[in-house]
Amino acid sequence: MKDRTFLAINLNGFHSNQNGEARTETEILFISANSIEKAREYVHSEYPHIAWFVIPKAYCDKNIVYAESSMVKCV
C-alpha cells in the first residue's frame, strides 16, 4: 500500500488557551504512513506526553480557503 500524508497538530497551545483569545500558535508535523492508525501510532510513540490531532492532508487540501482580491473563494 502506498504511503499517504497526514498532518499531526500539537494541541498544547489549544488546551492552554481555552479561556483566552481565540488564537493559538501550534506545531504541525507532516507524517507519511500507510493509514491514519499508523500515523497516530507514530505520533504517540514519538510524543507520548503531548495531545495531537491527526488528520489526512488530502482532507485539509480539499478545504483550503483562498483569498482573492476582496472576495473569499472556497475550493
C-alpha atoms as a PDB file:
ATOM      1  CA  MET A   1       0.000   0.000   0.000  1.00  0.00           C
ATOM      2  CA  LYS A   2       1.281   3.464  -0.917  1.00  0.00           C
ATOM      3  CA  ASP A   3       2.024   5.897   1.903  1.00  0.00           C
ATOM      4  CA  ARG A   4      -0.248   8.903   2.327  1.00  0.00           C
ATOM      5  CA  THR A   5       0.463  12.180   4.066  1.00  0.00           C
ATOM      6  CA  PHE A   6      -1.161  13.073   7.367  1.00  0.00           C
ATOM      7  CA  LEU A   7      -0.965  16.209   9.483  1.00  0.00           C
ATOM      8  CA  ALA A   8      -0.436  15.914  13.220  1.00  0.00           C
ATOM      9  CA  ILE A   9      -1.411  19.078  15.072  1.00  0.00           C
ATOM     10  CA  ASN A  10       0.011  19.655  18.550  1.00  0.00           C
ATOM     11  CA  LEU A  11      -2.885  20.571  20.851  1.00  0.00           C
ATOM     12  CA  ASN A  12      -0.830  22.011  23.746  1.00  0.00           C
ATOM     13  CA  GLY A  13      -1.442  25.625  22.681  1.00  0.00           C
ATOM     14  CA  PHE A  14      -5.113  24.961  22.079  1.00  0.00           C
ATOM     15  CA  HIS A  15      -5.591  23.413  25.510  1.00  0.00           C
ATOM     16  CA  SER A  16      -3.665  26.141  27.317  1.00  0.00           C
ATOM     17  CA  ASN A  17      -5.760  28.894  25.719  1.00  0.00           C
ATOM     18  CA  GLN A  18      -9.314  27.664  26.349  1.00  0.00           C
ATOM     19  CA  ASN A  19     -10.412  30.858  28.112  1.00  0.00           C
ATOM     20  CA  GLY A  20      -8.219  33.351  26.308  1.00  0.00           C
ATOM     21  CA  GLU A  21      -8.001  34.900  22.873  1.00  0.00           C
ATOM     22  CA  ALA A  22      -9.483  32.883  20.022  1.00  0.00           C
ATOM     23  CA  ARG A  23      -5.996  32.227  18.570  1.00  0.00           C
ATOM     24  CA  THR A  24      -3.190  29.829  19.263  1.00  0.00           C
ATOM     25  CA  GLU A  25       0.225  29.054  17.886  1.00  0.00           C
ATOM     26  CA  THR A  26       0.790  25.403  17.177  1.00  0.00           C
ATOM     27  CA  GLU A  27       3.193  22.882  15.745  1.00  0.00           C
ATOM     28  CA  ILE A  28       2.186  20.774  12.751  1.00  0.00           C
ATOM     29  CA  LEU A  29       4.034  17.613  11.710  1.00  0.00           C
ATOM     30  CA  PHE A  30       3.800  16.079   8.256  1.00  0.00           C
ATOM     31  CA  ILE A  31       3.726  12.285   8.542  1.00  0.00           C
ATOM     32  CA  SER A  32       3.996   9.717   5.765  1.00  0.00           C
ATOM     33  CA  ALA A  33       2.160   6.496   6.671  1.00  0.00           C
ATOM     34  CA  ASN A  34       0.024   3.711   5.186  1.00  0.00           C
ATOM     35  CA  SER A  35      -3.013   4.590   7.305  1.00  0.00           C
ATOM     36  CA  ILE A  36      -4.271   7.083   9.837  1.00  0.00           C
ATOM     37  CA  GLU A  37      -3.880   4.410  12.519  1.00  0.00           C
ATOM     38  CA  LYS A  38      -0.164   4.061  11.659  1.00  0.00           C
ATOM     39  CA  ALA A  39       0.240   7.856  11.705  1.00  0.00           C
ATOM     40  CA  ARG A  40      -1.410   8.006  15.133  1.00  0.00           C
ATOM     41  CA  GLU A  41       0.805   5.174  16.426  1.00  0.00           C
ATOM     42  CA  TYR A  42       3.904   7.013  15.205  1.00  0.00           C
ATOM     43  CA  VAL A  43       2.923  10.301  16.878  1.00  0.00           C
ATOM     44  CA  HIS A  44       2.065   8.520  20.122  1.00  0.00           C
ATOM     45  CA  SER A  45       5.376   6.625  20.168  1.00  0.00           C
ATOM     46  CA  GLU A  46       7.447   9.757  19.494  1.00  0.00           C
ATOM     47  CA  TYR A  47       5.478  12.222  21.654  1.00  0.00           C
ATOM     48  CA  PRO A  48       3.613  10.193  24.301  1.00  0.00           C
ATOM     49  CA  HIS A  49       3.077  13.146  26.665  1.00  0.00           C
ATOM     50  CA  ILE A  50       1.543  15.533  24.120  1.00  0.00           C
ATOM     51  CA  ALA A  51      -2.037  15.516  22.781  1.00  0.00           C
ATOM     52  CA  TRP A  52      -2.163  15.545  18.968  1.00  0.00           C
ATOM     53  CA  PHE A  53      -4.906  15.770  16.355  1.00  0.00           C
ATOM     54  CA  VAL A  54      -4.140  13.609  13.287  1.00  0.00           C
ATOM     55  CA  ILE A  55      -5.970  14.217  10.004  1.00  0.00           C
ATOM     56  CA  PRO A  56      -5.379  13.244   6.362  1.00  0.00           C
ATOM     57  CA  LYS A  57      -3.628  16.034   4.450  1.00  0.00           C
ATOM     58  CA  ALA A  58      -5.952  15.367   1.495  1.00  0.00           C
ATOM     59  CA  TYR A  59      -8.920  16.413   3.658  1.00  0.00           C
ATOM     60  CA  CYS A  60      -7.163  19.647   4.574  1.00  0.00           C
ATOM     61  CA  ASP A  61      -6.251  20.297   0.924  1.00  0.00           C
ATOM     62  CA  LYS A  62      -9.928  19.995  -0.105  1.00  0.00           C
ATOM     63  CA  ASN A  63     -10.971  22.559   2.493  1.00  0.00           C
ATOM     64  CA  ILE A  64      -8.458  25.370   1.965  1.00  0.00           C
ATOM     65  CA  VAL A  65      -9.970  28.844   1.705  1.00  0.00           C
ATOM     66  CA  TYR A  66      -8.098  31.199  -0.620  1.00  0.00           C
ATOM     67  CA  ALA A  67      -8.332  34.979  -0.522  1.00  0.00           C
ATOM     68  CA  GLU A  68      -8.784  36.626  -3.929  1.00  0.00           C
ATOM     69  CA  SER A  69      -8.904  40.411  -4.016  1.00  0.00           C
ATOM     70  CA  SER A  70     -11.667  41.375  -1.612  1.00  0.00           C
ATOM     71  CA  MET A  71     -13.604  38.131  -2.085  1.00  0.00           C
ATOM     72  CA  VAL A  72     -13.011  34.786  -0.386  1.00  0.00           C
ATOM     73  CA  LYS A  73     -13.056  31.776  -2.691  1.00  0.00           C
ATOM     74  CA  CYS A  74     -13.563  28.245  -1.410  1.00  0.00           C
ATOM     75  CA  VAL A  75     -12.181  25.323  -3.421  1.00  0.00           C
END
